[in-house]
Amino acid sequence: MKIAIIVLNLDIGGTQRVSVDLANAFYRAGDEAHLITFGNKEVQLRPNPNIYLHHFRMQDSLKKTIIALPFIILGKIINIFFRKSFFYINGLLMTPLFKYKISKIEQQHGKFDLIIFRGNSVYELVWPLKDERVIQTIDNMNINMANTITSKLHAKVTLSNKKVAPISRLVEEKVQLLISENFIQVSSLNTIYGPLDVENIKILSKEYQPNIDSDYIVSVGRIVEVKNYDLLVDAYNYAYKHLGLKHKLVIVGDGPLRRYIEQKIESYGLEKMIILTGGLSNPFPWIKNSNLFILTSYSEGLGMALLEALACEVPVIATKSEGGVRDIMIDELKEYLVDFSEKDLGEKIVNTLSVNKKLDFYKYIGQYSPITIVNRYKDLYIEKN
């Protein structure tokens, strides 16, 4: 089989890492895998060398098309008066360009059996595309209920008659509500988790030794509003100053709110206790050598960072966020779900570290194995094409 996996870019991020892991999983299953990016960002995450890597650079390519350029300019002018209208014009222009670029690859390698779009931001760029081989993966909870004419139209053109694959049960429920309320017909709606490459994580977790002189707890993710690092720093401050917490806190990630979080840390006088490493292409040594992993997000499509921590055999705590975290935090892991309260989170951190309860980590990650995910794609879609 020939598989194309399309993602906006391959910089550091959860969707990007899962896209690479999915391509690797298909390759190891004996399939020919192609990883395609739409954007211009530098590649920081690379798949197996035997996987074909293509950079379409769609927006730049479109601007170089003489026929398209006047329509782009016209579309941006119209967008001044009719907000969010450029999305439609851009998609009408990008779709034939995408078809052309895919056809060039297929002329060389043969026809793809599946074309998997990873993430809303990439399939929306080619919303008019009609192709039975295409699967649109919805990878976050930002599926807004359509309550305006513009949002209703957006939902219809991006989802109607498409094969839609949310990455968790709660994302699927949200999509189901959206399509039901707006009378949208989709070709199929099936939850498919992202693959968790445990063996590769174990290898990467030994790549280097973190430079830190004490025990520590860790969180990994972009420093953006949805990750709610405000709460993590507040809870750490409470636990450190009122509950005797001695562990340092390490935040692995970068983002637009980094300076704001740094200022909060400074305001608490915790510069020596809270470490921000910046974005890392391999965060797993930091996870593996930690005593506890914490996720404080408001919402998560699935929560791959939690799964990666469990793969590293590290205990986890997570907030009761919207989305796929509840798919992961089942059975005895429910004990480690906390409310959005600095006091509750601080107490849970200290109690978890003091008890050091043994968990059967593999009980919670088996259903995310790469071969399980590859087989689910094949079972759901290959036989129907």
Protein backbone atom coordinates (compact mmCIF):
# COMPACT_ATOMS: atom_id res chain seq x y z
CA MET A 1 0.00 0.00 0.00
CA LYS A 2 0.98 3.61 -0.60
CA ILE A 3 0.10 6.12 2.10
CA ALA A 4 0.36 9.93 2.05
CA ILE A 5 0.30 11.77 5.38
CA ILE A 6 -0.09 15.52 5.12
CA VAL A 7 0.75 17.97 7.90
CA LEU A 8 1.20 21.74 7.90
CA ASN A 9 4.86 21.60 8.94
CA LEU A 10 7.38 19.48 10.82
CA ASP A 11 8.48 21.85 13.56
CA ILE A 12 8.20 20.88 17.23
CA GLY A 13 4.62 20.08 18.20
CA GLY A 14 2.22 17.29 19.13
CA THR A 15 0.49 17.04 15.74
CA GLN A 16 3.84 17.04 13.97
CA ARG A 17 5.30 14.31 16.21
CA VAL A 18 2.22 12.12 15.75
CA SER A 19 2.39 12.62 11.96
CA VAL A 20 6.00 11.41 11.93
CA ASP A 21 5.13 8.45 14.16
CA LEU A 22 2.19 7.56 11.92
CA ALA A 23 4.38 7.59 8.81
CA ASN A 24 6.93 5.43 10.63
CA ALA A 25 4.17 3.05 11.72
CA PHE A 26 2.91 2.52 8.16
CA TYR A 27 6.47 1.99 6.95
CA ARG A 28 7.14 -0.65 9.61
CA ALA A 29 3.90 -2.36 8.63
CA GLY A 30 5.34 -2.84 5.14
CA ASP A 31 3.66 0.08 3.40
CA GLU A 32 5.20 2.83 1.30
CA ALA A 33 4.81 6.02 3.32
CA HIS A 34 5.07 9.60 2.09
CA LEU A 35 5.11 12.57 4.49
CA ILE A 36 4.01 15.85 2.90
CA THR A 37 4.20 19.35 4.40
CA PHE A 38 2.25 22.39 3.24
CA GLY A 39 4.22 25.12 5.00
CA ASN A 40 7.68 26.68 4.84
CA LYS A 41 9.00 26.12 8.37
CA GLU A 42 12.30 24.38 8.97
CA VAL A 43 12.03 20.62 9.45
CA GLN A 44 12.86 19.77 13.06
CA LEU A 45 11.23 16.34 13.31
CA ARG A 46 12.34 13.77 10.76
CA PRO A 47 10.82 10.39 9.95
CA ASN A 48 12.63 7.15 9.14
CA PRO A 49 15.06 7.80 6.23
CA ASN A 50 13.12 5.30 4.10
CA ILE A 51 10.00 7.49 4.20
CA TYR A 52 9.58 9.89 1.29
CA LEU A 53 9.51 13.53 2.43
CA HIS A 54 7.91 16.20 0.21
CA HIS A 55 7.60 19.94 0.83
CA PHE A 56 4.75 21.48 -1.17
CA ARG A 57 5.13 25.03 0.23
CA MET A 58 1.59 25.67 -0.96
CA GLN A 59 1.22 29.39 -0.25
CA ASP A 60 4.54 30.28 -1.88
CA SER A 61 3.78 28.06 -4.89
CA LEU A 62 0.37 29.69 -5.27
CA LYS A 63 1.85 33.19 -5.26
CA LYS A 64 4.22 32.17 -8.07
CA THR A 65 1.29 31.09 -10.22
CA ILE A 66 0.57 33.96 -12.60
CA ILE A 67 -3.09 33.03 -13.00
CA ALA A 68 -3.71 32.80 -9.25
CA LEU A 69 -1.94 35.99 -8.13
CA PRO A 70 -4.67 38.46 -9.23
CA PHE A 71 -7.31 36.32 -7.45
CA ILE A 72 -5.22 36.29 -4.27
CA ILE A 73 -5.00 40.08 -4.33
CA LEU A 74 -8.72 40.37 -5.09
CA GLY A 75 -9.54 37.91 -2.32
CA LYS A 76 -7.59 39.90 0.26
CA ILE A 77 -9.36 43.10 -0.78
CA ILE A 78 -12.77 41.39 -0.48
CA ASN A 79 -11.72 40.04 2.92
CA ILE A 80 -11.40 43.62 4.20
CA PHE A 81 -15.15 44.09 3.71
CA PHE A 82 -16.31 40.50 4.28
CA ARG A 83 -14.23 39.06 7.12
CA LYS A 84 -13.06 35.44 6.79
CA SER A 85 -14.03 35.30 3.10
CA PHE A 86 -10.42 34.79 1.95
CA PHE A 87 -10.61 31.23 3.30
CA TYR A 88 -13.01 30.28 0.48
CA ILE A 89 -11.05 31.93 -2.33
CA ASN A 90 -7.78 30.54 -1.04
CA GLY A 91 -9.20 27.01 -0.94
CA LEU A 92 -10.56 27.27 -4.48
CA LEU A 93 -7.09 28.26 -5.68
CA MET A 94 -5.10 25.80 -3.58
CA THR A 95 -7.11 22.69 -4.37
CA PRO A 96 -6.15 22.37 -8.05
CA LEU A 97 -2.54 23.15 -7.10
CA PHE A 98 -2.63 20.36 -4.53
CA LYS A 99 -4.09 17.93 -7.06
CA TYR A 100 -1.33 18.81 -9.49
CA LYS A 101 1.42 18.29 -6.91
CA ILE A 102 -0.04 14.97 -5.77
CA SER A 103 -0.35 13.81 -9.38
CA LYS A 104 3.34 14.54 -9.95
CA ILE A 105 4.27 12.28 -7.03
CA GLU A 106 1.89 9.58 -8.25
CA GLN A 107 3.38 9.68 -11.72
CA GLN A 108 6.68 8.67 -10.15
CA HIS A 109 5.56 6.36 -7.33
CA GLY A 110 2.07 5.15 -8.24
CA LYS A 111 -1.37 6.01 -6.90
CA PHE A 112 -1.90 6.50 -3.17
CA ASP A 113 -4.33 4.20 -1.38
CA LEU A 114 -4.91 6.60 1.51
CA ILE A 115 -4.32 10.33 1.91
CA ILE A 116 -4.43 11.31 5.58
CA PHE A 117 -4.65 14.99 6.53
CA ARG A 118 -3.34 15.51 10.06
CA GLY A 119 -5.03 18.48 11.65
CA ASN A 120 -7.77 21.00 10.89
CA SER A 121 -5.36 23.70 9.75
CA VAL A 122 -4.13 21.68 6.78
CA TYR A 123 -7.28 20.11 5.30
CA GLU A 124 -9.13 23.42 5.55
CA LEU A 125 -6.66 24.88 3.03
CA VAL A 126 -8.04 22.54 0.36
CA TRP A 127 -11.66 22.41 1.51
CA PRO A 128 -13.18 21.83 -2.00
CA LEU A 129 -11.15 18.60 -2.42
CA LYS A 130 -13.30 15.58 -3.25
CA ASP A 131 -11.37 12.35 -3.11
CA GLU A 132 -12.53 9.02 -1.68
CA ARG A 133 -9.02 8.31 -0.43
CA VAL A 134 -8.88 11.38 1.83
CA ILE A 135 -9.31 11.13 5.61
CA GLN A 136 -9.56 14.37 7.60
CA THR A 137 -8.16 13.94 11.09
CA ILE A 138 -9.55 16.38 13.65
CA ASP A 139 -6.84 16.70 16.28
CA ASN A 140 -8.05 19.32 18.75
CA MET A 141 -11.12 20.56 20.59
CA ASN A 142 -11.34 23.85 18.65
CA ILE A 143 -14.45 22.73 16.79
CA ASN A 144 -16.68 25.70 17.45
CA MET A 145 -20.42 25.30 17.39
CA ALA A 146 -21.75 26.93 14.22
CA ASN A 147 -23.90 29.80 15.51
CA THR A 148 -23.41 32.36 12.73
CA ILE A 149 -23.98 32.20 8.98
CA THR A 150 -20.21 32.31 8.41
CA SER A 151 -19.44 29.50 10.84
CA LYS A 152 -22.30 27.35 9.53
CA LEU A 153 -20.98 27.70 5.98
CA HIS A 154 -17.44 26.94 7.16
CA ALA A 155 -18.61 23.73 8.85
CA LYS A 156 -20.55 22.61 5.79
CA VAL A 157 -17.81 23.14 3.23
CA THR A 158 -15.09 21.53 5.37
CA LEU A 159 -17.04 18.50 6.61
CA SER A 160 -19.83 17.67 4.12
CA ASN A 161 -19.37 14.27 2.48
CA LYS A 162 -15.90 13.90 4.00
CA LYS A 163 -14.35 11.01 5.91
CA VAL A 164 -13.74 12.50 9.33
CA ALA A 165 -11.48 10.93 11.97
CA PRO A 166 -11.43 12.64 15.38
CA ILE A 167 -8.50 11.61 17.61
CA SER A 168 -10.53 10.95 20.77
CA ARG A 169 -14.04 10.01 21.80
CA LEU A 170 -14.85 13.44 23.22
CA VAL A 171 -13.66 15.18 20.05
CA GLU A 172 -15.94 12.81 18.12
CA GLU A 173 -18.86 13.73 20.37
CA LYS A 174 -18.24 17.41 19.69
CA VAL A 175 -18.06 16.82 15.93
CA GLN A 176 -21.22 14.70 16.09
CA LEU A 177 -23.06 17.54 17.81
CA LEU A 178 -21.81 20.03 15.23
CA ILE A 179 -22.92 17.99 12.23
CA SER A 180 -26.26 17.09 13.84
CA GLU A 181 -27.18 20.68 14.68
CA ASN A 182 -26.30 21.86 11.18
CA PHE A 183 -27.70 18.91 9.19
CA ILE A 184 -24.31 18.06 7.74
CA GLN A 185 -23.81 14.66 6.13
CA VAL A 186 -20.33 13.17 6.47
CA SER A 187 -19.17 10.07 4.63
CA SER A 188 -17.92 8.52 7.86
CA LEU A 189 -17.06 9.48 11.42
CA ASN A 190 -14.61 7.23 13.27
CA THR A 191 -12.31 7.95 16.19
CA ILE A 192 -8.70 6.98 15.45
CA TYR A 193 -6.08 7.66 18.11
CA GLY A 194 -2.57 8.78 17.27
CA PRO A 195 0.13 6.08 17.48
CA LEU A 196 2.42 5.85 20.49
CA ASP A 197 5.83 4.53 19.47
CA VAL A 198 6.96 3.18 22.84
CA GLU A 199 10.15 1.55 21.57
CA ASN A 200 11.33 4.73 19.88
CA ILE A 201 10.49 6.77 22.97
CA LYS A 202 12.60 4.42 25.08
CA ILE A 203 15.54 4.83 22.70
CA LEU A 204 15.20 8.62 22.61
CA SER A 205 14.85 8.82 26.39
CA LYS A 206 18.46 7.61 26.70
CA GLU A 207 19.90 10.02 24.12
CA TYR A 208 21.28 12.45 26.72
CA GLN A 209 21.27 13.11 30.45
CA PRO A 210 19.33 16.18 31.61
CA ASN A 211 21.51 18.86 33.15
CA ILE A 212 19.91 19.25 36.55
CA ASP A 213 21.24 18.76 40.07
CA SER A 214 18.11 17.63 41.93
CA ASP A 215 14.89 15.64 41.72
CA TYR A 216 12.25 17.37 39.62
CA ILE A 217 8.75 17.26 38.20
CA VAL A 218 8.11 18.07 34.56
CA SER A 219 5.58 19.35 32.04
CA VAL A 220 5.98 19.37 28.26
CA GLY A 221 4.12 21.51 25.74
CA ARG A 222 3.97 24.83 23.93
CA ILE A 223 3.72 27.82 26.22
CA VAL A 224 0.33 28.99 24.99
CA GLU A 225 -2.92 29.86 26.75
CA VAL A 226 -4.61 26.46 26.32
CA LYS A 227 -1.76 24.70 28.16
CA ASN A 228 -2.56 26.75 31.28
CA TYR A 229 0.97 27.08 32.65
CA ASP A 230 -0.38 29.88 34.84
CA LEU A 231 -2.03 27.24 37.00
CA LEU A 232 1.07 25.02 37.06
CA VAL A 233 3.32 27.82 38.30
CA ASP A 234 0.72 28.95 40.87
CA ALA A 235 0.28 25.38 42.15
CA TYR A 236 4.03 24.84 42.34
CA ASN A 237 4.43 28.08 44.28
CA TYR A 238 1.73 26.95 46.73
CA ALA A 239 3.28 23.49 47.18
CA TYR A 240 6.80 24.87 47.54
CA LYS A 241 5.96 27.57 50.06
CA HIS A 242 3.19 25.88 52.07
CA LEU A 243 3.59 22.11 51.67
CA GLY A 244 7.35 21.65 51.76
CA LEU A 245 7.84 20.57 48.14
CA LYS A 246 11.58 20.20 47.44
CA HIS A 247 11.51 19.04 43.81
CA LYS A 248 12.27 21.55 41.08
CA LEU A 249 9.82 22.14 38.24
CA VAL A 250 10.96 21.82 34.62
CA ILE A 251 8.83 23.14 31.75
CA VAL A 252 9.94 21.83 28.36
CA GLY A 253 8.56 24.03 25.60
CA ASP A 254 8.43 27.47 24.08
CA GLY A 255 5.77 29.80 22.80
CA PRO A 256 4.34 33.31 22.77
CA LEU A 257 3.55 33.34 26.51
CA ARG A 258 7.03 32.34 27.62
CA ARG A 259 8.02 35.82 28.80
CA TYR A 260 4.75 36.15 30.72
CA ILE A 261 5.43 32.86 32.53
CA GLU A 262 9.01 33.94 33.22
CA GLN A 263 7.70 37.13 34.82
CA LYS A 264 5.29 35.14 36.98
CA ILE A 265 8.16 32.91 38.12
CA GLU A 266 10.22 36.01 38.94
CA SER A 267 7.33 37.52 40.89
CA TYR A 268 7.30 34.44 43.12
CA GLY A 269 11.10 34.48 43.50
CA LEU A 270 11.32 30.95 42.06
CA GLU A 271 13.92 31.52 39.35
CA LYS A 272 16.20 28.86 40.89
CA MET A 273 13.41 26.31 41.31
CA ILE A 274 11.53 26.51 37.99
CA ILE A 275 13.49 25.82 34.81
CA LEU A 276 12.29 26.61 31.28
CA THR A 277 14.31 24.61 28.77
CA GLY A 278 12.76 26.05 25.61
CA GLY A 279 11.50 23.84 22.80
CA LEU A 280 13.31 20.52 22.35
CA SER A 281 13.01 18.07 19.47
CA ASN A 282 13.64 15.28 21.99
CA PRO A 283 12.06 15.97 25.40
CA PHE A 284 12.00 12.32 26.46
CA PRO A 285 15.17 12.26 28.63
CA TRP A 286 13.61 15.06 30.69
CA ILE A 287 10.41 13.05 31.04
CA LYS A 288 12.11 9.71 31.76
CA ASN A 289 14.32 11.10 34.53
CA SER A 290 11.56 13.05 36.26
CA ASN A 291 9.59 11.94 39.32
CA LEU A 292 6.23 13.15 38.05
CA PHE A 293 4.65 14.48 34.84
CA ILE A 294 1.95 17.15 35.02
CA LEU A 295 -0.51 18.34 32.38
CA THR A 296 -2.62 21.41 33.18
CA SER A 297 -4.33 22.10 29.82
CA TYR A 298 -7.83 23.52 29.51
CA SER A 299 -8.37 21.10 26.63
CA GLU A 300 -6.52 18.45 24.64
CA GLY A 301 -7.49 16.67 21.45
CA LEU A 302 -6.06 13.50 22.97
CA GLY A 303 -3.14 14.29 25.26
CA MET A 304 -0.15 12.59 23.64
CA ALA A 305 2.22 14.08 26.22
CA LEU A 306 0.43 12.08 28.92
CA LEU A 307 0.81 8.89 26.90
CA GLU A 308 4.49 9.65 26.30
CA ALA A 309 5.02 10.07 30.04
CA LEU A 310 3.29 6.74 30.70
CA ALA A 311 5.52 5.16 28.03
CA CYS A 312 8.49 6.49 30.02
CA GLU A 313 6.98 4.81 33.12
CA VAL A 314 6.53 8.13 34.90
CA PRO A 315 3.48 8.84 37.12
CA VAL A 316 1.11 11.50 35.77
CA ILE A 317 -1.29 14.12 37.05
CA ALA A 318 -3.74 15.92 34.74
CA THR A 319 -6.42 18.55 35.11
CA LYS A 320 -10.01 17.64 34.30
CA SER A 321 -9.66 19.16 30.87
CA GLU A 322 -12.02 18.99 27.94
CA GLY A 323 -11.14 16.40 25.32
CA GLY A 324 -9.18 13.18 25.14
CA VAL A 325 -7.43 13.29 28.52
CA ARG A 326 -10.37 11.31 29.92
CA ASP A 327 -9.77 8.62 27.29
CA ILE A 328 -6.34 8.13 28.86
CA MET A 329 -6.99 8.74 32.56
CA ILE A 330 -9.17 5.68 33.17
CA ASP A 331 -9.53 3.16 36.00
CA GLU A 332 -6.99 3.91 38.77
CA LEU A 333 -5.56 6.86 36.80
CA LYS A 334 -8.82 8.73 37.53
CA GLU A 335 -7.36 9.24 41.01
CA TYR A 336 -4.82 11.59 39.41
CA LEU A 337 -7.33 13.91 37.75
CA VAL A 338 -7.63 17.25 39.57
CA ASP A 339 -9.78 20.36 39.39
CA PHE A 340 -8.45 23.67 38.08
CA SER A 341 -7.33 24.77 41.54
CA GLU A 342 -3.79 25.69 42.57
CA LYS A 343 -4.45 24.29 46.07
CA ASP A 344 -5.85 20.96 44.79
CA LEU A 345 -3.08 20.58 42.23
CA GLY A 346 -0.36 21.50 44.73
CA GLU A 347 -1.66 18.98 47.25
CA LYS A 348 -1.98 16.26 44.59
CA ILE A 349 1.64 16.84 43.51
CA VAL A 350 2.96 16.49 47.04
CA ASN A 351 0.77 13.49 47.90
CA THR A 352 1.66 11.65 44.68
CA LEU A 353 5.38 12.17 45.24
CA SER A 354 5.16 10.98 48.84
CA VAL A 355 3.15 7.82 48.16
CA ASN A 356 5.09 6.74 45.02
CA LYS A 357 2.38 4.22 44.03
CA LYS A 358 3.34 1.54 41.50
CA LEU A 359 1.28 1.54 38.30
CA ASP A 360 0.87 -0.92 35.44
CA PHE A 361 1.84 1.64 32.80
CA TYR A 362 1.36 -0.69 29.82
CA LYS A 363 -2.25 -1.29 30.80
CA TYR A 364 -3.01 2.26 29.68
CA ILE A 365 -0.96 2.54 26.48
CA GLY A 366 -1.54 -0.77 24.68
CA GLN A 367 -4.45 0.45 22.55
CA TYR A 368 -2.25 3.22 21.11
CA SER A 369 0.42 0.91 19.66
CA PRO A 370 1.48 1.83 16.09
CA ILE A 371 0.34 -1.46 14.56
CA THR A 372 -3.07 -1.13 16.25
CA ILE A 373 -3.54 2.34 14.75
CA VAL A 374 -2.33 1.26 11.28
CA ASN A 375 -4.71 -1.70 11.30
CA ARG A 376 -7.61 0.53 12.31
CA TYR A 377 -7.01 2.79 9.30
CA LYS A 378 -6.87 -0.25 7.03
CA ASP A 379 -9.92 -1.96 8.57
CA LEU A 380 -12.06 1.17 8.31
CA TYR A 381 -11.06 2.47 4.91
CA ILE A 382 -9.09 0.17 2.64
CA GLU A 383 -11.79 -2.46 2.16
CA LYS A 384 -14.38 0.21 1.40
CA ASN A 385 -12.44 1.89 -1.42
